Amino acid sequence: MGRILETELYQPVKTFLTGQGYEVKAEVGAADIVACRGDEDPVIVELKTGFTLGLFHQAIARQAVTDAVYVAVARGPGRRFQSALKNNLKLARRLGLGLITVRLADGLVEVHTDPAPYVPRKSKQRKVRLLKEFAKRVGDPNTGGSTRVTLVTAYRQDAMRCADHLNANGPSRGAEVAKATGVARATRMMADDHYGWFERVERGIYGLTPKGEASVAEREKDTG
């Protein structure tokens, strides 16, 4: 398949809008497509072969003219496009824009969302989880904007306390670790062994794995 041109999107979108009773014209002022119907506000459509930040910049600028602004892109195949569509659909809704895709193979035009004021839906559960993690985390062990590094969560901090206790005292009962460290879930945490640091020496007693010993040594080296 050769390179797609933005002009290839124009006729399918025009046909779609004309079928809804609009008079459609291209390149009116700065807009790619302007559609008018009676006394209604004009509809503006900005065309791009794919999703770009520039496409959304253009669409936002057109909102100074009308609230009925759409972005239209060529519909691609596969999961990669579906993922991009999902993410950009959220962005379009957030910006109060409509979003259209055009399947060039047969000219199918699909409107995924119409322009509308954005009203965010708050998640109480996510808020509770966020504030719980914030409250339980000790200090500020991470650097904002970090990628490809292991983040220190409240759970990881609790696991570190358990590991430090075992490193200093040897294999111990879960109840003893919980009492000494203040980590109420110590036994469950060592049994789950999320990080590969703990091993059950015998019933109810846990010690450090070589990986756990290495983790403690590394942290002591960093802080020493």
Protein backbone atom coordinates (compact mmCIF):
# COMPACT_ATOMS: atom_id res chain seq x y z
CA MET A 1 0.00 0.00 0.00
CA GLY A 2 1.35 3.41 -0.99
CA ARG A 3 1.43 6.52 1.09
CA ILE A 4 -1.99 7.80 2.13
CA LEU A 5 -2.89 11.41 1.39
CA GLU A 6 -5.20 13.58 3.45
CA THR A 7 -7.15 14.39 0.29
CA GLU A 8 -8.26 10.73 0.12
CA LEU A 9 -10.35 11.28 3.25
CA TYR A 10 -12.23 14.23 1.83
CA GLN A 11 -14.71 12.57 -0.52
CA PRO A 12 -15.89 9.86 1.93
CA VAL A 13 -16.42 12.48 4.66
CA LYS A 14 -18.16 14.83 2.23
CA THR A 15 -20.46 12.05 1.03
CA PHE A 16 -21.27 11.14 4.63
CA LEU A 17 -22.15 14.72 5.59
CA THR A 18 -24.06 15.38 2.38
CA GLY A 19 -26.19 12.34 3.14
CA GLN A 20 -27.21 14.07 6.36
CA GLY A 21 -28.40 17.17 4.56
CA TYR A 22 -25.29 19.32 4.81
CA GLU A 23 -23.80 21.47 2.08
CA VAL A 24 -20.10 20.70 2.19
CA LYS A 25 -17.11 22.70 0.98
CA ALA A 26 -13.37 22.16 1.37
CA GLU A 27 -10.58 24.50 2.46
CA VAL A 28 -12.78 27.33 3.66
CA GLY A 29 -10.54 29.68 5.61
CA ALA A 30 -8.21 27.57 7.74
CA ALA A 31 -10.63 24.61 7.95
CA ASP A 32 -10.21 21.42 5.92
CA ILE A 33 -13.98 20.86 5.68
CA VAL A 34 -16.92 23.13 6.50
CA ALA A 35 -20.48 21.77 6.42
CA CYS A 36 -23.61 23.92 6.79
CA ARG A 37 -27.24 22.93 7.25
CA GLY A 38 -29.97 25.54 7.59
CA ASP A 39 -29.50 27.90 10.51
CA GLU A 40 -27.39 25.44 12.53
CA ASP A 41 -23.84 26.24 13.57
CA PRO A 42 -21.33 25.08 10.96
CA VAL A 43 -19.60 21.73 11.33
CA ILE A 44 -15.83 21.75 10.87
CA VAL A 45 -13.77 18.64 10.19
CA GLU A 46 -9.97 18.54 10.30
CA LEU A 47 -8.37 15.75 8.28
CA LYS A 48 -5.17 13.81 8.94
CA THR A 49 -3.90 10.45 7.78
CA GLY A 50 -3.23 9.52 11.42
CA PHE A 51 -3.41 10.84 14.95
CA THR A 52 -0.99 13.70 15.69
CA LEU A 53 -0.74 16.39 18.30
CA GLY A 54 -0.94 18.94 15.49
CA LEU A 55 -4.35 17.56 14.48
CA PHE A 56 -5.74 18.28 17.92
CA HIS A 57 -4.11 21.72 17.97
CA GLN A 58 -5.88 22.57 14.72
CA ALA A 59 -9.22 21.28 16.00
CA ILE A 60 -8.96 23.27 19.21
CA ALA A 61 -8.30 26.42 17.18
CA ARG A 62 -11.49 25.78 15.17
CA GLN A 63 -13.53 25.75 18.39
CA ALA A 64 -13.24 29.55 18.32
CA VAL A 65 -15.64 29.36 15.34
CA THR A 66 -18.04 26.58 16.34
CA ASP A 67 -18.53 23.90 18.98
CA ALA A 68 -19.18 21.31 16.25
CA VAL A 69 -15.56 20.36 15.47
CA TYR A 70 -14.43 16.88 14.46
CA VAL A 71 -11.07 15.27 13.75
CA ALA A 72 -11.03 12.61 11.03
CA VAL A 73 -8.27 10.05 10.41
CA ALA A 74 -7.77 7.07 8.15
CA ARG A 75 -8.71 3.84 9.89
CA GLY A 76 -5.76 1.49 10.20
CA PRO A 77 -5.64 -2.30 10.69
CA GLY A 78 -4.67 -4.27 13.75
CA ARG A 79 -4.34 -3.81 17.47
CA ARG A 80 -1.93 -0.92 17.23
CA PHE A 81 -4.53 1.29 15.60
CA GLN A 82 -7.24 0.09 17.99
CA SER A 83 -5.05 1.11 20.91
CA ALA A 84 -4.36 4.52 19.35
CA LEU A 85 -8.07 4.97 18.65
CA LYS A 86 -8.99 4.17 22.23
CA ASN A 87 -6.46 6.61 23.68
CA ASN A 88 -7.24 9.41 21.26
CA LEU A 89 -10.97 8.92 21.73
CA LYS A 90 -10.46 9.75 25.40
CA LEU A 91 -8.46 12.83 24.40
CA ALA A 92 -11.11 13.97 21.92
CA ARG A 93 -13.84 13.67 24.55
CA ARG A 94 -11.73 15.55 27.05
CA LEU A 95 -11.28 18.39 24.55
CA GLY A 96 -14.94 18.43 23.55
CA LEU A 97 -14.17 17.27 19.99
CA GLY A 98 -15.84 14.73 17.74
CA LEU A 99 -13.80 11.87 16.25
CA ILE A 100 -14.32 10.19 12.89
CA THR A 101 -12.48 7.35 11.18
CA VAL A 102 -12.50 6.64 7.46
CA ARG A 103 -11.87 3.17 6.04
CA LEU A 104 -10.34 4.01 2.70
CA ALA A 105 -10.82 0.56 1.23
CA ASP A 106 -14.57 1.09 0.92
CA GLY A 107 -15.13 4.67 2.10
CA LEU A 108 -16.83 3.65 5.36
CA VAL A 109 -17.13 6.65 7.69
CA GLU A 110 -17.66 5.96 11.38
CA VAL A 111 -18.39 8.60 14.01
CA HIS A 112 -16.96 7.40 17.31
CA THR A 113 -17.98 10.40 19.38
CA ASP A 114 -19.71 13.72 18.80
CA PRO A 115 -18.53 17.06 20.24
CA ALA A 116 -19.86 17.61 23.75
CA PRO A 117 -18.80 19.35 26.96
CA TYR A 118 -16.44 17.14 28.94
CA VAL A 119 -17.73 15.98 32.31
CA PRO A 120 -15.10 13.75 33.98
CA ARG A 121 -16.33 10.72 35.89
CA LYS A 122 -14.52 10.48 39.18
CA SER A 123 -13.64 7.06 40.59
CA LYS A 124 -14.04 6.97 44.37
CA GLN A 125 -12.20 3.64 44.55
CA ARG A 126 -9.18 4.99 42.67
CA LYS A 127 -9.13 8.05 44.90
CA VAL A 128 -9.22 5.87 48.02
CA ARG A 129 -6.36 3.69 46.68
CA LEU A 130 -4.31 6.76 45.80
CA LEU A 131 -4.70 8.38 49.21
CA LYS A 132 -4.12 5.07 51.01
CA GLU A 133 -0.84 4.54 49.17
CA PHE A 134 0.15 8.16 49.85
CA ALA A 135 -0.56 7.82 53.58
CA LYS A 136 1.23 4.48 53.99
CA ARG A 137 4.35 5.38 52.04
CA VAL A 138 7.19 6.55 54.28
CA GLY A 139 8.98 9.65 53.04
CA ASP A 140 9.40 10.35 49.33
CA PRO A 141 11.66 7.55 48.02
CA ASN A 142 11.02 8.03 44.29
CA THR A 143 11.88 10.72 41.75
CA GLY A 144 8.99 12.14 39.74
CA GLY A 145 9.10 11.28 36.04
CA SER A 146 11.17 8.13 36.55
CA THR A 147 10.85 5.35 33.98
CA ARG A 148 12.45 1.91 33.71
CA VAL A 149 13.32 1.91 37.40
CA THR A 150 11.84 -0.02 40.30
CA LEU A 151 9.45 2.27 42.16
CA VAL A 152 9.30 2.09 45.93
CA THR A 153 5.70 1.54 47.03
CA ALA A 154 4.33 1.25 50.56
CA TYR A 155 4.14 -2.53 49.99
CA ARG A 156 7.80 -2.65 48.98
CA GLN A 157 8.77 -0.56 52.01
CA ASP A 158 7.00 -3.07 54.27
CA ALA A 159 8.81 -5.94 52.53
CA MET A 160 12.11 -4.12 53.07
CA ARG A 161 11.42 -3.88 56.80
CA CYS A 162 10.74 -7.61 56.96
CA ALA A 163 13.88 -8.38 54.98
CA ASP A 164 16.00 -6.12 57.18
CA HIS A 165 14.71 -7.89 60.29
CA LEU A 166 15.47 -11.32 58.89
CA ASN A 167 18.91 -10.16 57.79
CA ALA A 168 19.69 -8.95 61.30
CA ASN A 169 18.03 -11.76 63.28
CA GLY A 170 18.02 -14.78 60.99
CA PRO A 171 14.97 -16.96 60.24
CA SER A 172 12.03 -15.83 62.35
CA ARG A 173 8.38 -16.50 62.95
CA GLY A 174 5.98 -14.27 61.06
CA ALA A 175 4.40 -13.00 64.29
CA GLU A 176 7.83 -11.98 65.59
CA VAL A 177 8.61 -10.11 62.38
CA ALA A 178 5.25 -8.35 62.46
CA LYS A 179 5.75 -7.24 66.08
CA ALA A 180 9.34 -6.08 65.57
CA THR A 181 8.75 -4.19 62.33
CA GLY A 182 5.21 -2.91 62.81
CA VAL A 183 4.21 -4.62 59.55
CA ALA A 184 0.94 -6.30 60.48
CA ARG A 185 0.81 -8.28 57.22
CA ALA A 186 4.37 -9.61 57.56
CA THR A 187 3.44 -13.31 57.57
CA ARG A 188 1.17 -12.99 54.53
CA MET A 189 3.75 -10.89 52.72
CA MET A 190 6.59 -13.36 53.30
CA ALA A 191 4.35 -16.26 52.29
CA ASP A 192 3.32 -14.53 49.06
CA ASP A 193 6.98 -13.64 48.39
CA HIS A 194 6.17 -11.09 45.69
CA TYR A 195 9.81 -10.06 45.22
CA GLY A 196 11.52 -13.45 45.64
CA TRP A 197 13.18 -12.34 48.88
CA PHE A 198 11.64 -14.80 51.35
CA GLU A 199 11.52 -18.55 51.82
CA ARG A 200 9.79 -20.76 54.36
CA VAL A 201 12.41 -22.52 56.45
CA GLU A 202 9.84 -24.52 58.35
CA ARG A 203 6.21 -24.11 59.28
CA GLY A 204 5.59 -20.48 60.31
CA ILE A 205 9.27 -19.54 60.08
CA TYR A 206 10.76 -17.53 57.22
CA GLY A 207 14.25 -16.60 56.14
CA LEU A 208 15.90 -14.69 53.31
CA THR A 209 16.66 -16.12 49.89
CA PRO A 210 19.98 -15.24 48.21
CA LYS A 211 18.04 -12.64 46.22
CA GLY A 212 16.71 -11.17 49.46
CA GLU A 213 20.19 -11.04 50.97
CA ALA A 214 21.48 -9.31 47.85
CA SER A 215 18.68 -6.75 48.00
CA VAL A 216 19.48 -5.89 51.62
CA ALA A 217 23.19 -5.66 50.85
CA GLU A 218 22.53 -3.38 47.89
CA ARG A 219 20.40 -1.02 49.95
CA GLU A 220 22.96 -0.96 52.75
CA LYS A 221 25.61 -0.12 50.16
CA ASP A 222 23.50 2.74 48.78
CA THR A 223 22.85 4.20 52.23
CA GLY A 224 26.23 3.37 53.74
